[in-house]
Amino acid sequence: MPTLDDLNAHEYVTVLSIEQSEKSDWALRIIAVEQRSGDPLSTMDLAEDSEPVRKLLEGARPIGTTPDCATYEICFPEYVIYTVLDESYSGAGGDVPSDRVGGPFAFSCRRSWLIDHVTRTTYASDTWPGPLTHYQLLTSDHIVDVVTHTEPIVRRIATEC
C-alpha cells in the first residue's frame, strides 16, 4: 500500500483537487499527481518573446503532467483543520518543526504552529480526540496543511489529468 513517502520519490508533485470525501462529512480527500520537467524550451518556443525574456528563459524546462504520471488519492478519515495556501504567498523558511519527518513534498510532525493554533482555539488536543499530527504537502501550486488524529490512507489511482 502506498504511503505519503511515495510522493517524495517524484521530481515534482501538484494537487489536482481537495474535497470533502463522498464517504463521510468528516473525511478529506486530496488528489495529487506527479509532475516531470520536460525538454528545454527551443528557440521556436521563445521566438515571440523579447530579447530579455529569451535570455531569462534560456535553458528553462516546462513542468507538467503526462498520462503516465502517478496519481494518488490521499484520504484523511477525520481531520481537525486543514488549510490551503497558494504557494506564491508562502514565506521564506517559515516555522520548521524540529521533529519534522519526510520530505521534500510530504511531511509530518507532532509539534507545530498549526497544532498550537488548534489547541488554543478548539477543544481538540492530544487527550481528545487523540494524539494530533500535522501533515504538510508542499506542491508546485499549493501548500496543504492538515491536523488530524488519524493516519492518512494513500492509494495510487488511475490518472485524472
N, C-alpha and C. Protein backbone atom coordinates (compact mmCIF):
# COMPACT_ATOMS: atom_id res chain seq x y z
N MET A 1 0.85 -1.18 0.00
CA MET A 1 0.00 0.00 0.00
C MET A 1 0.90 1.25 0.00
N PRO A 2 0.62 2.20 -0.87
CA PRO A 2 1.43 3.43 -0.91
C PRO A 2 1.29 4.23 0.38
N THR A 3 2.29 5.07 0.63
CA THR A 3 2.27 5.99 1.76
C THR A 3 2.60 7.38 1.25
N LEU A 4 2.54 8.37 2.14
CA LEU A 4 2.91 9.73 1.75
C LEU A 4 4.36 9.79 1.27
N ASP A 5 5.21 8.89 1.77
CA ASP A 5 6.60 8.87 1.32
C ASP A 5 6.72 8.60 -0.18
N ASP A 6 5.74 7.93 -0.77
CA ASP A 6 5.79 7.68 -2.21
C ASP A 6 5.76 8.99 -3.01
N LEU A 7 5.10 10.01 -2.50
CA LEU A 7 5.09 11.31 -3.18
C LEU A 7 6.49 11.91 -3.20
N ASN A 8 7.28 11.64 -2.17
CA ASN A 8 8.62 12.21 -2.07
C ASN A 8 9.60 11.64 -3.10
N ALA A 9 9.23 10.55 -3.76
CA ALA A 9 10.11 9.93 -4.74
C ALA A 9 10.05 10.61 -6.11
N HIS A 10 9.09 11.53 -6.30
CA HIS A 10 8.90 12.14 -7.61
C HIS A 10 9.69 13.44 -7.76
N GLU A 11 9.87 13.85 -9.01
CA GLU A 11 10.58 15.09 -9.30
C GLU A 11 9.80 16.31 -8.80
N TYR A 12 8.48 16.32 -9.08
CA TYR A 12 7.58 17.38 -8.64
C TYR A 12 6.22 16.75 -8.36
N VAL A 13 5.40 17.44 -7.58
CA VAL A 13 4.04 16.99 -7.26
C VAL A 13 3.13 18.21 -7.27
N THR A 14 1.89 18.02 -7.73
CA THR A 14 0.89 19.09 -7.64
C THR A 14 -0.43 18.51 -7.16
N VAL A 15 -1.30 19.38 -6.66
CA VAL A 15 -2.63 18.96 -6.20
C VAL A 15 -3.64 19.22 -7.30
N LEU A 16 -4.42 18.21 -7.63
CA LEU A 16 -5.49 18.38 -8.62
C LEU A 16 -6.79 18.81 -7.97
N SER A 17 -7.08 18.25 -6.78
CA SER A 17 -8.34 18.61 -6.12
C SER A 17 -8.26 18.33 -4.62
N ILE A 18 -9.09 19.07 -3.90
CA ILE A 18 -9.26 18.90 -2.45
C ILE A 18 -10.75 18.99 -2.20
N GLU A 19 -11.31 17.97 -1.54
CA GLU A 19 -12.76 17.97 -1.34
C GLU A 19 -13.13 17.14 -0.13
N GLN A 20 -14.34 17.38 0.35
CA GLN A 20 -14.91 16.50 1.37
C GLN A 20 -15.12 15.15 0.70
N SER A 21 -14.80 14.10 1.39
CA SER A 21 -14.98 12.77 0.85
C SER A 21 -16.47 12.47 0.69
N GLU A 22 -16.79 11.70 -0.33
CA GLU A 22 -18.18 11.26 -0.53
C GLU A 22 -18.59 10.28 0.55
N LYS A 23 -17.62 9.63 1.20
CA LYS A 23 -17.90 8.59 2.18
C LYS A 23 -18.28 9.13 3.56
N SER A 24 -17.81 10.36 3.88
CA SER A 24 -18.04 10.91 5.21
C SER A 24 -17.91 12.42 5.19
N ASP A 25 -18.77 13.10 5.93
CA ASP A 25 -18.66 14.55 6.04
C ASP A 25 -17.40 14.97 6.77
N TRP A 26 -16.80 14.05 7.50
CA TRP A 26 -15.62 14.38 8.30
C TRP A 26 -14.32 13.96 7.63
N ALA A 27 -14.39 13.44 6.43
CA ALA A 27 -13.19 12.97 5.73
C ALA A 27 -12.77 13.98 4.67
N LEU A 28 -11.47 14.08 4.47
CA LEU A 28 -10.89 14.99 3.49
C LEU A 28 -10.20 14.15 2.42
N ARG A 29 -10.46 14.47 1.16
CA ARG A 29 -9.89 13.72 0.04
C ARG A 29 -9.06 14.68 -0.81
N ILE A 30 -7.79 14.33 -1.01
CA ILE A 30 -6.87 15.13 -1.82
C ILE A 30 -6.37 14.26 -2.97
N ILE A 31 -6.43 14.80 -4.18
CA ILE A 31 -5.86 14.11 -5.33
C ILE A 31 -4.59 14.85 -5.71
N ALA A 32 -3.47 14.12 -5.70
CA ALA A 32 -2.17 14.69 -6.04
C ALA A 32 -1.58 13.90 -7.20
N VAL A 33 -0.85 14.59 -8.06
CA VAL A 33 -0.28 13.94 -9.23
C VAL A 33 1.19 14.33 -9.37
N GLU A 34 1.96 13.35 -9.82
CA GLU A 34 3.37 13.56 -10.13
C GLU A 34 3.50 14.53 -11.29
N GLN A 35 4.55 15.33 -11.28
CA GLN A 35 4.89 16.19 -12.41
C GLN A 35 6.34 15.93 -12.79
N ARG A 36 6.64 16.19 -14.05
CA ARG A 36 8.01 15.98 -14.54
C ARG A 36 8.45 17.20 -15.33
N SER A 37 9.76 17.42 -15.35
CA SER A 37 10.28 18.50 -16.19
C SER A 37 10.44 17.97 -17.60
N GLY A 38 10.09 18.83 -18.57
CA GLY A 38 10.18 18.45 -19.97
C GLY A 38 11.52 18.84 -20.57
N ASP A 39 11.57 18.77 -21.87
CA ASP A 39 12.78 19.17 -22.60
C ASP A 39 12.95 20.67 -22.51
N PRO A 40 14.20 21.15 -22.61
CA PRO A 40 14.42 22.60 -22.58
C PRO A 40 13.63 23.29 -23.69
N LEU A 41 13.18 24.51 -23.40
CA LEU A 41 12.44 25.28 -24.40
C LEU A 41 13.34 25.53 -25.60
N SER A 42 12.77 25.44 -26.78
CA SER A 42 13.54 25.66 -28.00
C SER A 42 13.47 27.13 -28.40
N THR A 43 14.30 27.52 -29.33
CA THR A 43 14.27 28.90 -29.83
C THR A 43 12.92 29.18 -30.50
N MET A 44 12.31 28.15 -31.06
CA MET A 44 10.98 28.32 -31.67
C MET A 44 9.94 28.65 -30.60
N ASP A 45 10.05 28.01 -29.42
CA ASP A 45 9.12 28.28 -28.32
C ASP A 45 9.23 29.73 -27.86
N LEU A 46 10.42 30.31 -27.99
CA LEU A 46 10.69 31.65 -27.47
C LEU A 46 10.71 32.72 -28.55
N ALA A 47 10.39 32.36 -29.80
CA ALA A 47 10.53 33.28 -30.92
C ALA A 47 9.77 34.58 -30.75
N GLU A 48 8.59 34.53 -30.11
CA GLU A 48 7.76 35.74 -29.99
C GLU A 48 8.10 36.58 -28.76
N ASP A 49 8.99 36.07 -27.89
CA ASP A 49 9.35 36.80 -26.68
C ASP A 49 10.43 37.84 -26.98
N SER A 50 10.50 38.87 -26.13
CA SER A 50 11.53 39.90 -26.28
C SER A 50 12.89 39.31 -25.91
N GLU A 51 13.95 39.99 -26.31
CA GLU A 51 15.32 39.52 -26.04
C GLU A 51 15.57 39.28 -24.55
N PRO A 52 15.20 40.21 -23.64
CA PRO A 52 15.44 39.93 -22.21
C PRO A 52 14.70 38.69 -21.71
N VAL A 53 13.48 38.47 -22.22
CA VAL A 53 12.72 37.29 -21.81
C VAL A 53 13.38 36.03 -22.36
N ARG A 54 13.83 36.07 -23.60
CA ARG A 54 14.52 34.91 -24.19
C ARG A 54 15.76 34.55 -23.38
N LYS A 55 16.53 35.56 -22.96
CA LYS A 55 17.74 35.30 -22.16
C LYS A 55 17.36 34.67 -20.81
N LEU A 56 16.31 35.21 -20.19
CA LEU A 56 15.86 34.70 -18.90
C LEU A 56 15.42 33.24 -19.00
N LEU A 57 14.73 32.90 -20.08
CA LEU A 57 14.17 31.55 -20.23
C LEU A 57 15.10 30.56 -20.92
N GLU A 58 16.28 31.00 -21.30
CA GLU A 58 17.23 30.13 -21.97
C GLU A 58 17.54 28.92 -21.08
N GLY A 59 17.32 27.74 -21.60
CA GLY A 59 17.57 26.51 -20.84
C GLY A 59 16.45 26.11 -19.90
N ALA A 60 15.39 26.92 -19.82
CA ALA A 60 14.26 26.58 -18.93
C ALA A 60 13.55 25.32 -19.43
N ARG A 61 13.01 24.59 -18.49
CA ARG A 61 12.26 23.37 -18.81
C ARG A 61 10.84 23.50 -18.25
N PRO A 62 9.84 23.25 -19.08
CA PRO A 62 8.46 23.29 -18.57
C PRO A 62 8.22 22.11 -17.62
N ILE A 63 7.36 22.32 -16.64
CA ILE A 63 6.99 21.27 -15.68
C ILE A 63 5.52 20.96 -15.91
N GLY A 64 5.20 19.68 -16.01
CA GLY A 64 3.80 19.31 -16.24
C GLY A 64 3.55 17.84 -16.00
N THR A 65 2.34 17.44 -16.28
CA THR A 65 1.93 16.05 -16.12
C THR A 65 1.76 15.40 -17.49
N THR A 66 1.90 14.10 -17.50
CA THR A 66 1.66 13.30 -18.70
C THR A 66 0.73 12.16 -18.30
N PRO A 67 0.13 11.48 -19.26
CA PRO A 67 -0.79 10.39 -18.91
C PRO A 67 -0.16 9.28 -18.07
N ASP A 68 1.16 9.12 -18.12
CA ASP A 68 1.79 8.06 -17.34
C ASP A 68 2.29 8.53 -15.97
N CYS A 69 2.00 9.76 -15.59
CA CYS A 69 2.38 10.25 -14.26
C CYS A 69 1.53 9.56 -13.18
N ALA A 70 2.15 9.30 -12.06
CA ALA A 70 1.46 8.66 -10.94
C ALA A 70 0.45 9.63 -10.33
N THR A 71 -0.75 9.12 -10.02
CA THR A 71 -1.79 9.91 -9.38
C THR A 71 -2.17 9.22 -8.06
N TYR A 72 -2.32 10.02 -7.01
CA TYR A 72 -2.60 9.49 -5.68
C TYR A 72 -3.86 10.10 -5.09
N GLU A 73 -4.62 9.28 -4.39
CA GLU A 73 -5.72 9.74 -3.55
C GLU A 73 -5.22 9.68 -2.11
N ILE A 74 -5.26 10.82 -1.44
CA ILE A 74 -4.84 10.89 -0.05
C ILE A 74 -6.10 11.21 0.75
N CYS A 75 -6.52 10.28 1.58
CA CYS A 75 -7.75 10.46 2.35
C CYS A 75 -7.43 10.53 3.84
N PHE A 76 -7.87 11.60 4.45
CA PHE A 76 -7.79 11.74 5.90
C PHE A 76 -9.18 11.39 6.43
N PRO A 77 -9.35 10.21 7.07
CA PRO A 77 -10.68 9.79 7.52
C PRO A 77 -11.37 10.80 8.44
N GLU A 78 -10.59 11.51 9.22
CA GLU A 78 -11.10 12.59 10.07
C GLU A 78 -10.01 13.66 10.13
N TYR A 79 -10.42 14.90 10.26
CA TYR A 79 -9.43 15.96 10.42
C TYR A 79 -9.99 16.99 11.39
N VAL A 80 -9.09 17.76 12.00
CA VAL A 80 -9.50 18.85 12.88
C VAL A 80 -9.53 20.15 12.08
N ILE A 81 -8.49 20.39 11.30
CA ILE A 81 -8.39 21.60 10.49
C ILE A 81 -7.54 21.30 9.26
N TYR A 82 -7.86 21.97 8.17
CA TYR A 82 -6.93 21.96 7.04
C TYR A 82 -6.90 23.35 6.44
N THR A 83 -5.74 23.68 5.87
CA THR A 83 -5.58 24.97 5.21
C THR A 83 -4.94 24.71 3.85
N VAL A 84 -5.24 25.60 2.92
CA VAL A 84 -4.65 25.55 1.58
C VAL A 84 -4.08 26.93 1.29
N LEU A 85 -2.81 27.00 0.98
CA LEU A 85 -2.13 28.25 0.71
C LEU A 85 -1.61 28.23 -0.72
N ASP A 86 -1.88 29.28 -1.47
CA ASP A 86 -1.26 29.46 -2.78
C ASP A 86 0.24 29.58 -2.53
N GLU A 87 1.04 28.70 -3.14
CA GLU A 87 2.46 28.67 -2.82
C GLU A 87 3.16 29.98 -3.14
N SER A 88 2.56 30.81 -3.99
CA SER A 88 3.15 32.11 -4.33
C SER A 88 3.23 33.02 -3.11
N TYR A 89 2.40 32.77 -2.09
CA TYR A 89 2.35 33.60 -0.90
C TYR A 89 3.09 33.00 0.30
N SER A 90 3.77 31.90 0.07
CA SER A 90 4.49 31.24 1.15
C SER A 90 5.69 32.06 1.57
N GLY A 91 5.88 32.20 2.87
CA GLY A 91 7.04 32.93 3.39
C GLY A 91 8.30 32.08 3.26
N ALA A 92 9.41 32.73 3.13
CA ALA A 92 10.69 32.03 3.03
C ALA A 92 11.02 31.37 4.36
N GLY A 93 11.40 30.12 4.32
CA GLY A 93 11.80 29.41 5.54
C GLY A 93 10.62 28.98 6.38
N GLY A 94 10.02 29.89 7.08
CA GLY A 94 8.87 29.58 7.91
C GLY A 94 9.27 28.82 9.17
N ASP A 95 8.27 28.33 9.87
CA ASP A 95 8.45 27.61 11.12
C ASP A 95 8.67 26.13 10.79
N VAL A 96 9.90 25.66 10.85
CA VAL A 96 10.20 24.26 10.54
C VAL A 96 10.34 23.51 11.86
N PRO A 97 9.39 22.63 12.18
CA PRO A 97 9.44 21.89 13.44
C PRO A 97 10.67 20.99 13.52
N SER A 98 11.23 20.85 14.71
CA SER A 98 12.42 20.02 14.89
C SER A 98 12.13 18.54 14.71
N ASP A 99 10.86 18.14 14.88
CA ASP A 99 10.51 16.73 14.76
C ASP A 99 9.89 16.39 13.41
N ARG A 100 10.08 17.25 12.41
CA ARG A 100 9.50 17.03 11.08
C ARG A 100 10.14 15.81 10.44
N VAL A 101 9.29 14.95 9.86
CA VAL A 101 9.72 13.72 9.20
C VAL A 101 9.21 13.74 7.77
N GLY A 102 10.07 13.34 6.85
CA GLY A 102 9.65 13.24 5.45
C GLY A 102 10.30 14.30 4.60
N GLY A 103 9.74 14.47 3.42
CA GLY A 103 10.21 15.50 2.50
C GLY A 103 10.79 14.89 1.25
N PRO A 104 10.84 15.60 0.16
CA PRO A 104 10.67 17.05 0.06
C PRO A 104 9.22 17.54 -0.12
N PHE A 105 8.27 16.64 -0.39
CA PHE A 105 6.90 17.10 -0.66
C PHE A 105 5.90 16.79 0.44
N ALA A 106 6.09 15.71 1.16
CA ALA A 106 5.14 15.31 2.21
C ALA A 106 5.87 15.19 3.54
N PHE A 107 5.36 15.89 4.55
CA PHE A 107 5.98 15.92 5.88
C PHE A 107 4.92 15.61 6.93
N SER A 108 5.40 15.21 8.10
CA SER A 108 4.52 15.13 9.27
C SER A 108 5.32 15.53 10.50
N CYS A 109 4.62 16.01 11.50
CA CYS A 109 5.27 16.37 12.78
C CYS A 109 4.21 16.38 13.88
N ARG A 110 4.67 16.29 15.12
CA ARG A 110 3.77 16.26 16.27
C ARG A 110 3.72 17.61 16.98
N ARG A 111 4.65 18.51 16.67
CA ARG A 111 4.64 19.86 17.25
C ARG A 111 4.76 20.85 16.11
N SER A 112 3.84 21.83 16.07
CA SER A 112 3.90 22.83 15.00
C SER A 112 3.05 24.04 15.37
N TRP A 113 3.21 25.09 14.58
CA TRP A 113 2.41 26.30 14.75
C TRP A 113 0.93 25.99 14.58
N LEU A 114 0.56 25.07 13.67
CA LEU A 114 -0.86 24.78 13.42
C LEU A 114 -1.46 23.95 14.56
N ILE A 115 -0.70 23.02 15.09
CA ILE A 115 -1.20 22.27 16.26
C ILE A 115 -1.36 23.22 17.44
N ASP A 116 -0.41 24.14 17.62
CA ASP A 116 -0.55 25.15 18.70
C ASP A 116 -1.82 25.96 18.51
N HIS A 117 -2.10 26.38 17.28
CA HIS A 117 -3.32 27.14 16.98
C HIS A 117 -4.57 26.32 17.32
N VAL A 118 -4.57 25.06 16.91
CA VAL A 118 -5.73 24.18 17.15
C VAL A 118 -5.98 24.02 18.64
N THR A 119 -4.93 23.77 19.41
CA THR A 119 -5.14 23.53 20.84
C THR A 119 -5.53 24.80 21.59
N ARG A 120 -5.16 25.97 21.05
CA ARG A 120 -5.56 27.24 21.68
C ARG A 120 -6.99 27.63 21.33
N THR A 121 -7.47 27.27 20.16
CA THR A 121 -8.74 27.80 19.66
C THR A 121 -9.86 26.77 19.54
N THR A 122 -9.58 25.49 19.85
CA THR A 122 -10.62 24.45 19.74
C THR A 122 -10.55 23.55 20.97
N TYR A 123 -11.43 22.58 21.02
CA TYR A 123 -11.41 21.57 22.08
C TYR A 123 -10.46 20.43 21.77
N ALA A 124 -9.92 20.40 20.55
CA ALA A 124 -9.04 19.30 20.15
C ALA A 124 -7.70 19.38 20.88
N SER A 125 -7.20 18.21 21.28
CA SER A 125 -5.91 18.11 21.96
C SER A 125 -5.41 16.68 21.82
N ASP A 126 -4.24 16.42 22.38
CA ASP A 126 -3.73 15.05 22.37
C ASP A 126 -4.59 14.13 23.23
N THR A 127 -5.37 14.71 24.17
CA THR A 127 -6.26 13.93 25.02
C THR A 127 -7.54 13.54 24.27
N TRP A 128 -8.12 14.52 23.59
CA TRP A 128 -9.33 14.26 22.79
C TRP A 128 -9.26 15.08 21.52
N PRO A 129 -9.36 14.54 20.37
CA PRO A 129 -9.77 13.16 20.05
C PRO A 129 -8.64 12.16 20.10
N GLY A 130 -7.39 12.60 20.36
CA GLY A 130 -6.23 11.71 20.43
C GLY A 130 -5.01 12.47 19.97
N PRO A 131 -3.86 11.82 20.00
CA PRO A 131 -2.62 12.49 19.60
C PRO A 131 -2.74 13.14 18.22
N LEU A 132 -2.43 14.44 18.16
CA LEU A 132 -2.57 15.20 16.92
C LEU A 132 -1.26 15.18 16.13
N THR A 133 -1.42 15.06 14.82
CA THR A 133 -0.28 15.11 13.90
C THR A 133 -0.57 16.16 12.83
N HIS A 134 0.45 16.93 12.49
CA HIS A 134 0.36 17.93 11.43
C HIS A 134 1.02 17.34 10.18
N TYR A 135 0.22 17.18 9.12
CA TYR A 135 0.73 16.73 7.82
C TYR A 135 0.80 17.94 6.91
N GLN A 136 1.87 18.01 6.11
CA GLN A 136 2.00 19.11 5.17
C GLN A 136 2.40 18.57 3.81
N LEU A 137 1.69 19.03 2.78
CA LEU A 137 2.03 18.71 1.39
C LEU A 137 2.52 20.00 0.73
N LEU A 138 3.77 20.00 0.28
CA LEU A 138 4.34 21.15 -0.42
C LEU A 138 4.35 20.79 -1.90
N THR A 139 3.49 21.43 -2.66
CA THR A 139 3.38 21.08 -4.07
C THR A 139 3.68 22.28 -4.95
N SER A 140 3.67 22.05 -6.25
CA SER A 140 4.02 23.09 -7.21
C SER A 140 3.16 24.34 -7.08
N ASP A 141 1.90 24.18 -6.72
CA ASP A 141 0.98 25.31 -6.70
C ASP A 141 0.37 25.60 -5.33
N HIS A 142 0.37 24.62 -4.43
CA HIS A 142 -0.31 24.78 -3.15
C HIS A 142 0.51 24.20 -2.01
N ILE A 143 0.28 24.73 -0.83
CA ILE A 143 0.78 24.12 0.40
C ILE A 143 -0.46 23.73 1.20
N VAL A 144 -0.60 22.45 1.45
CA VAL A 144 -1.78 21.93 2.15
C VAL A 144 -1.33 21.45 3.53
N ASP A 145 -1.95 21.98 4.57
CA ASP A 145 -1.66 21.60 5.95
C ASP A 145 -2.91 20.93 6.52
N VAL A 146 -2.73 19.78 7.16
CA VAL A 146 -3.84 19.05 7.77
C VAL A 146 -3.42 18.63 9.18
N VAL A 147 -4.27 18.94 10.17
CA VAL A 147 -4.07 18.43 11.54
C VAL A 147 -5.16 17.40 11.77
N THR A 148 -4.74 16.23 12.23
CA THR A 148 -5.66 15.12 12.41
C THR A 148 -5.15 14.19 13.51
N HIS A 149 -6.03 13.33 13.98
CA HIS A 149 -5.61 12.29 14.92
C HIS A 149 -5.62 10.92 14.24
N THR A 150 -5.88 10.91 12.93
CA THR A 150 -5.91 9.65 12.18
C THR A 150 -4.80 9.65 11.11
N GLU A 151 -4.37 8.46 10.76
CA GLU A 151 -3.36 8.31 9.70
C GLU A 151 -4.03 8.50 8.33
N PRO A 152 -3.35 9.15 7.39
CA PRO A 152 -3.93 9.25 6.05
C PRO A 152 -3.87 7.90 5.35
N ILE A 153 -4.85 7.68 4.49
CA ILE A 153 -4.88 6.49 3.65
C ILE A 153 -4.50 6.94 2.25
N VAL A 154 -3.44 6.35 1.72
CA VAL A 154 -2.92 6.75 0.40
C VAL A 154 -3.13 5.59 -0.56
N ARG A 155 -3.73 5.92 -1.71
CA ARG A 155 -3.94 4.92 -2.77
C ARG A 155 -3.43 5.48 -4.08
N ARG A 156 -2.84 4.64 -4.90
CA ARG A 156 -2.49 5.02 -6.27
C ARG A 156 -3.74 4.75 -7.10
N ILE A 157 -4.16 5.76 -7.88
CA ILE A 157 -5.39 5.62 -8.66
C ILE A 157 -5.10 5.92 -10.13
N ALA A 158 -6.09 5.66 -10.97
CA ALA A 158 -5.96 5.96 -12.39
C ALA A 158 -5.76 7.45 -12.57
N THR A 159 -4.93 7.81 -13.52
CA THR A 159 -4.61 9.22 -13.78
C THR A 159 -5.87 9.98 -14.14
N GLU A 160 -6.03 11.16 -13.51
CA GLU A 160 -7.20 12.01 -13.76
C GLU A 160 -6.87 13.22 -14.63
N CYS A 161 -5.62 13.32 -15.08
CA CYS A 161 -5.27 14.52 -15.87
C CYS A 161 -5.17 14.19 -17.34
